[in-house]
Amino acid sequence: MSMQIATRVDDEQAALFKETTRQLGTTPADALRMFISAFNDYRGFPYEVRLPRNDVEPFASERDATEYASRLALRMSDETR
């Protein structure tokens, strides 16, 4: 047995979603099924959901930003293993 789930999004978002799924070689319906499956497997969103921080400050230098990005990429890589 299956159930139909429907939602409304604005036209621009719908068109972008449809085009992106086409480029990925899938359909909007399949993409939503994949999201629902991942949501259920994670028992929540399959990505971080949070409010923006108000205390964000710019990096002091480009080098600081690059080092931060490198550490973040390594951490994310470790988490996916």
N, C-alpha and C. Protein backbone atom coordinates (compact mmCIF):
# COMPACT_ATOMS: atom_id res chain seq x y z
N MET A 1 0.85 -1.18 0.00
CA MET A 1 0.00 0.00 0.00
C MET A 1 0.90 1.24 0.00
N SER A 2 0.46 2.30 -0.62
CA SER A 2 1.22 3.54 -0.64
C SER A 2 0.28 4.71 -0.38
N MET A 3 0.89 5.83 -0.01
CA MET A 3 0.12 7.03 0.32
C MET A 3 0.67 8.19 -0.50
N GLN A 4 -0.19 9.04 -0.98
CA GLN A 4 0.23 10.23 -1.71
C GLN A 4 0.44 11.36 -0.72
N ILE A 5 1.58 12.07 -0.86
CA ILE A 5 1.88 13.23 -0.03
C ILE A 5 2.03 14.42 -0.98
N ALA A 6 1.39 15.53 -0.67
CA ALA A 6 1.45 16.71 -1.53
C ALA A 6 1.82 17.94 -0.72
N THR A 7 2.47 18.88 -1.38
CA THR A 7 2.81 20.16 -0.75
C THR A 7 2.82 21.24 -1.83
N ARG A 8 2.83 22.47 -1.42
CA ARG A 8 2.88 23.59 -2.36
C ARG A 8 4.21 24.33 -2.18
N VAL A 9 4.82 24.68 -3.31
CA VAL A 9 6.02 25.52 -3.32
C VAL A 9 5.83 26.56 -4.41
N ASP A 10 6.57 27.65 -4.32
CA ASP A 10 6.39 28.68 -5.34
C ASP A 10 6.92 28.20 -6.68
N ASP A 11 6.46 28.83 -7.74
CA ASP A 11 6.77 28.40 -9.10
C ASP A 11 8.27 28.33 -9.38
N GLU A 12 9.02 29.32 -8.91
CA GLU A 12 10.46 29.36 -9.17
C GLU A 12 11.16 28.17 -8.50
N GLN A 13 10.81 27.89 -7.26
CA GLN A 13 11.41 26.76 -6.56
C GLN A 13 11.05 25.43 -7.23
N ALA A 14 9.81 25.30 -7.66
CA ALA A 14 9.37 24.08 -8.33
C ALA A 14 10.12 23.87 -9.64
N ALA A 15 10.30 24.94 -10.42
CA ALA A 15 11.01 24.82 -11.69
C ALA A 15 12.47 24.45 -11.47
N LEU A 16 13.10 25.06 -10.47
CA LEU A 16 14.50 24.75 -10.17
C LEU A 16 14.63 23.30 -9.69
N PHE A 17 13.71 22.86 -8.85
CA PHE A 17 13.71 21.48 -8.35
C PHE A 17 13.58 20.50 -9.51
N LYS A 18 12.64 20.77 -10.40
CA LYS A 18 12.40 19.90 -11.55
C LYS A 18 13.63 19.83 -12.46
N GLU A 19 14.25 20.98 -12.72
CA GLU A 19 15.43 21.02 -13.57
C GLU A 19 16.63 20.32 -12.91
N THR A 20 16.80 20.53 -11.62
CA THR A 20 17.92 19.89 -10.91
C THR A 20 17.76 18.38 -10.89
N THR A 21 16.56 17.90 -10.65
CA THR A 21 16.36 16.44 -10.67
C THR A 21 16.60 15.89 -12.06
N ARG A 22 16.21 16.62 -13.10
CA ARG A 22 16.47 16.18 -14.47
C ARG A 22 17.97 16.07 -14.71
N GLN A 23 18.72 17.08 -14.29
CA GLN A 23 20.17 17.06 -14.47
C GLN A 23 20.82 15.90 -13.71
N LEU A 24 20.23 15.53 -12.59
CA LEU A 24 20.75 14.41 -11.80
C LEU A 24 20.29 13.06 -12.34
N GLY A 25 19.43 13.07 -13.34
CA GLY A 25 18.96 11.82 -13.94
C GLY A 25 17.87 11.14 -13.15
N THR A 26 17.11 11.91 -12.42
CA THR A 26 16.01 11.34 -11.63
C THR A 26 14.77 12.20 -11.85
N THR A 27 13.74 11.93 -11.10
CA THR A 27 12.50 12.69 -11.21
C THR A 27 12.22 13.39 -9.89
N PRO A 28 11.37 14.42 -9.92
CA PRO A 28 10.99 15.05 -8.65
C PRO A 28 10.37 14.04 -7.67
N ALA A 29 9.54 13.15 -8.16
CA ALA A 29 8.91 12.15 -7.28
C ALA A 29 9.96 11.25 -6.64
N ASP A 30 10.93 10.79 -7.45
CA ASP A 30 11.98 9.93 -6.89
C ASP A 30 12.84 10.70 -5.89
N ALA A 31 13.14 11.97 -6.17
CA ALA A 31 13.93 12.77 -5.24
C ALA A 31 13.21 12.92 -3.91
N LEU A 32 11.91 13.14 -3.95
CA LEU A 32 11.14 13.23 -2.70
C LEU A 32 11.11 11.90 -1.96
N ARG A 33 10.99 10.79 -2.71
CA ARG A 33 11.04 9.48 -2.05
C ARG A 33 12.39 9.26 -1.39
N MET A 34 13.49 9.68 -2.07
CA MET A 34 14.82 9.55 -1.49
C MET A 34 14.95 10.39 -0.21
N PHE A 35 14.40 11.62 -0.26
CA PHE A 35 14.45 12.47 0.93
C PHE A 35 13.69 11.83 2.08
N ILE A 36 12.50 11.34 1.81
CA ILE A 36 11.68 10.73 2.87
C ILE A 36 12.39 9.51 3.46
N SER A 37 13.01 8.71 2.60
CA SER A 37 13.74 7.54 3.07
C SER A 37 14.91 7.96 3.97
N ALA A 38 15.68 8.96 3.53
CA ALA A 38 16.81 9.45 4.33
C ALA A 38 16.31 10.07 5.63
N PHE A 39 15.23 10.83 5.56
CA PHE A 39 14.65 11.45 6.76
C PHE A 39 14.28 10.38 7.78
N ASN A 40 13.64 9.32 7.31
CA ASN A 40 13.23 8.25 8.21
C ASN A 40 14.43 7.48 8.76
N ASP A 41 15.45 7.22 7.91
CA ASP A 41 16.65 6.53 8.37
C ASP A 41 17.38 7.34 9.44
N TYR A 42 17.47 8.66 9.25
CA TYR A 42 18.16 9.53 10.20
C TYR A 42 17.28 9.85 11.41
N ARG A 43 16.00 9.52 11.30
CA ARG A 43 15.02 9.88 12.33
C ARG A 43 14.97 11.39 12.50
N GLY A 44 15.04 12.08 11.37
CA GLY A 44 15.03 13.54 11.31
C GLY A 44 15.69 13.98 10.02
N PHE A 45 16.00 15.24 9.94
CA PHE A 45 16.61 15.76 8.73
C PHE A 45 17.97 15.12 8.48
N PRO A 46 18.26 14.76 7.23
CA PRO A 46 19.55 14.13 6.91
C PRO A 46 20.65 15.17 6.72
N TYR A 47 20.48 16.34 7.29
CA TYR A 47 21.46 17.41 7.27
C TYR A 47 21.19 18.29 8.48
N GLU A 48 22.15 19.15 8.82
CA GLU A 48 21.98 19.99 10.00
C GLU A 48 20.90 21.03 9.77
N VAL A 49 20.04 21.20 10.77
CA VAL A 49 19.01 22.22 10.74
C VAL A 49 19.25 23.09 11.97
N ARG A 50 19.56 24.35 11.74
CA ARG A 50 19.87 25.21 12.87
C ARG A 50 19.59 26.66 12.50
N LEU A 51 19.52 27.48 13.52
CA LEU A 51 19.34 28.91 13.33
C LEU A 51 20.70 29.56 13.07
N PRO A 52 20.72 30.64 12.31
CA PRO A 52 21.99 31.32 12.07
C PRO A 52 22.53 31.93 13.36
N ARG A 53 23.85 31.94 13.45
CA ARG A 53 24.49 32.53 14.62
C ARG A 53 24.60 34.04 14.42
N ASN A 54 24.33 34.77 15.47
CA ASN A 54 24.42 36.22 15.40
C ASN A 54 25.83 36.72 15.73
N ASP A 55 26.66 35.85 16.29
CA ASP A 55 27.97 36.27 16.74
C ASP A 55 29.09 35.89 15.76
N VAL A 56 28.75 35.70 14.51
CA VAL A 56 29.73 35.32 13.51
C VAL A 56 30.60 36.52 13.17
N GLU A 57 31.90 36.30 13.18
CA GLU A 57 32.85 37.36 12.83
C GLU A 57 33.66 36.91 11.62
N PRO A 58 34.07 37.85 10.79
CA PRO A 58 34.87 37.47 9.62
C PRO A 58 36.25 36.95 10.04
N PHE A 59 36.85 36.14 9.19
CA PHE A 59 38.20 35.66 9.45
C PHE A 59 39.17 36.83 9.40
N ALA A 60 40.24 36.72 10.19
CA ALA A 60 41.24 37.79 10.22
C ALA A 60 42.05 37.84 8.93
N SER A 61 42.20 36.68 8.28
CA SER A 61 42.99 36.64 7.05
C SER A 61 42.47 35.53 6.15
N GLU A 62 42.89 35.56 4.91
CA GLU A 62 42.52 34.50 3.97
C GLU A 62 43.11 33.17 4.42
N ARG A 63 44.30 33.21 5.00
CA ARG A 63 44.94 31.99 5.50
C ARG A 63 44.09 31.35 6.60
N ASP A 64 43.58 32.16 7.53
CA ASP A 64 42.71 31.64 8.59
C ASP A 64 41.48 30.97 8.00
N ALA A 65 40.89 31.59 6.99
CA ALA A 65 39.70 31.03 6.34
C ALA A 65 40.04 29.71 5.66
N THR A 66 41.18 29.65 4.98
CA THR A 66 41.59 28.43 4.28
C THR A 66 41.85 27.30 5.28
N GLU A 67 42.53 27.60 6.37
CA GLU A 67 42.80 26.58 7.39
C GLU A 67 41.50 26.07 8.00
N TYR A 68 40.55 26.97 8.27
CA TYR A 68 39.26 26.57 8.82
C TYR A 68 38.54 25.65 7.84
N ALA A 69 38.51 26.03 6.56
CA ALA A 69 37.83 25.22 5.55
C ALA A 69 38.48 23.84 5.43
N SER A 70 39.78 23.78 5.52
CA SER A 70 40.48 22.49 5.45
C SER A 70 40.12 21.60 6.64
N ARG A 71 40.13 22.17 7.83
CA ARG A 71 39.75 21.39 9.03
C ARG A 71 38.32 20.90 8.94
N LEU A 72 37.43 21.77 8.47
CA LEU A 72 36.02 21.40 8.34
C LEU A 72 35.85 20.27 7.32
N ALA A 73 36.53 20.36 6.20
CA ALA A 73 36.44 19.31 5.16
C ALA A 73 36.95 17.99 5.71
N LEU A 74 38.04 17.99 6.45
CA LEU A 74 38.57 16.75 7.04
C LEU A 74 37.58 16.17 8.05
N ARG A 75 36.99 17.04 8.88
CA ARG A 75 36.03 16.56 9.87
C ARG A 75 34.81 15.94 9.20
N MET A 76 34.32 16.60 8.15
CA MET A 76 33.15 16.08 7.44
C MET A 76 33.49 14.76 6.77
N SER A 77 34.69 14.65 6.24
CA SER A 77 35.13 13.40 5.61
C SER A 77 35.19 12.27 6.64
N ASP A 78 35.71 12.57 7.81
CA ASP A 78 35.79 11.56 8.87
C ASP A 78 34.40 11.12 9.33
N GLU A 79 33.45 12.05 9.38
CA GLU A 79 32.10 11.74 9.84
C GLU A 79 31.36 10.85 8.87
N THR A 80 31.72 10.87 7.58
CA THR A 80 31.01 10.06 6.60
C THR A 80 31.57 8.66 6.47
N ARG A 81 32.66 8.40 7.15
CA ARG A 81 33.26 7.06 7.08
C ARG A 81 32.58 6.08 7.97
